[in-house]
Amino acid sequence: MPPKPHEPRLLPDDVAACVDFLVDEAARLHLASGADAPVAVTVKDVLVGGLPVGDYEIVIRRKPSALAERLGRLNNPWMRGFE
């Protein structure tokens, strides 16, 4: 999926393809389990330019819909239940 014109392009194409694959797999897990728990991937011993920068964690979670975000901002507890 090409980036939207206003979004900065931060990742090379091959890395973006891997990210898309990870998100698809997380979505499959969410659909199979019926839960939207975040999926965390830990990448150990990351090197940048040959220098160690430590461990990184990538967290994939389902983003609430725009409608759910708008309803959540309303000051009505009944309306906040729709997600």
Protein backbone atom coordinates (compact mmCIF):
# COMPACT_ATOMS: atom_id res chain seq x y z
CA MET A 1 0.00 0.00 0.00
CA PRO A 2 1.63 3.29 -1.05
CA PRO A 3 1.88 6.03 1.58
CA LYS A 4 -0.62 8.87 1.57
CA PRO A 5 0.85 12.07 0.06
CA HIS A 6 0.89 13.94 3.40
CA GLU A 7 2.57 11.11 5.35
CA PRO A 8 6.36 11.15 5.60
CA ARG A 9 8.03 8.06 4.24
CA LEU A 10 10.15 6.76 7.10
CA LEU A 11 10.75 3.12 6.18
CA PRO A 12 12.39 1.56 3.13
CA ASP A 13 10.05 -0.53 0.97
CA ASP A 14 11.40 -3.90 2.17
CA VAL A 15 10.99 -2.92 5.83
CA ALA A 16 7.50 -1.53 5.17
CA ALA A 17 6.58 -4.88 3.57
CA CYS A 18 7.73 -6.70 6.73
CA VAL A 19 5.68 -4.32 8.88
CA ASP A 20 2.62 -5.00 6.71
CA PHE A 21 3.18 -8.73 7.14
CA LEU A 22 3.46 -8.39 10.94
CA VAL A 23 0.26 -6.34 11.11
CA ASP A 24 -1.59 -8.90 8.95
CA GLU A 25 -0.46 -11.70 11.25
CA ALA A 26 -1.54 -9.75 14.35
CA ALA A 27 -4.94 -9.11 12.75
CA ARG A 28 -5.28 -12.85 12.05
CA LEU A 29 -4.52 -13.58 15.71
CA HIS A 30 -7.09 -11.01 16.81
CA LEU A 31 -9.77 -12.46 14.52
CA ALA A 32 -9.00 -16.05 15.53
CA SER A 33 -9.00 -15.34 19.26
CA GLY A 34 -11.81 -12.77 19.31
CA ALA A 35 -9.63 -10.53 21.50
CA ASP A 36 -7.85 -7.31 20.59
CA ALA A 37 -4.91 -7.69 22.96
CA PRO A 38 -1.69 -6.00 21.78
CA VAL A 39 0.89 -8.22 20.11
CA ALA A 40 4.49 -7.48 21.13
CA VAL A 41 7.57 -8.46 19.13
CA THR A 42 10.94 -8.09 20.87
CA VAL A 43 14.02 -7.48 18.74
CA LYS A 44 17.19 -8.16 20.71
CA ASP A 45 20.66 -6.70 20.23
CA VAL A 46 19.81 -4.10 17.57
CA LEU A 47 22.78 -2.60 15.72
CA VAL A 48 22.71 0.77 13.96
CA GLY A 49 25.72 1.46 11.78
CA GLY A 50 27.57 -1.35 13.54
CA LEU A 51 26.97 0.14 17.02
CA PRO A 52 24.81 -1.68 19.60
CA VAL A 53 21.70 0.30 20.59
CA GLY A 54 20.03 -2.30 22.81
CA ASP A 55 16.75 -4.17 22.57
CA TYR A 56 13.58 -2.84 20.94
CA GLU A 57 9.97 -3.87 21.30
CA ILE A 58 7.41 -3.47 18.54
CA VAL A 59 3.82 -3.37 19.78
CA ILE A 60 0.95 -3.93 17.37
CA ARG A 61 -2.53 -3.06 18.59
CA ARG A 62 -5.85 -2.46 16.94
CA LYS A 63 -6.62 1.20 16.53
CA PRO A 64 -10.15 2.24 17.53
CA SER A 65 -12.36 3.43 14.70
CA ALA A 66 -12.88 7.14 14.13
CA LEU A 67 -16.51 6.74 15.19
CA ALA A 68 -15.49 5.05 18.46
CA GLU A 69 -13.02 7.87 19.16
CA ARG A 70 -15.69 10.52 18.54
CA LEU A 71 -18.24 8.70 20.69
CA GLY A 72 -15.64 8.21 23.42
CA ARG A 73 -15.17 11.96 23.67
CA LEU A 74 -18.84 12.51 24.38
CA ASN A 75 -19.70 13.02 28.02
CA ASN A 76 -22.28 10.23 27.97
CA PRO A 77 -21.27 6.88 29.52
CA TRP A 78 -23.81 5.00 27.39
CA MET A 79 -22.30 6.34 24.16
CA ARG A 80 -18.73 5.50 25.23
CA GLY A 81 -19.64 1.81 25.13
CA PHE A 82 -19.65 1.71 21.32
CA GLU A 83 -16.30 0.67 19.91
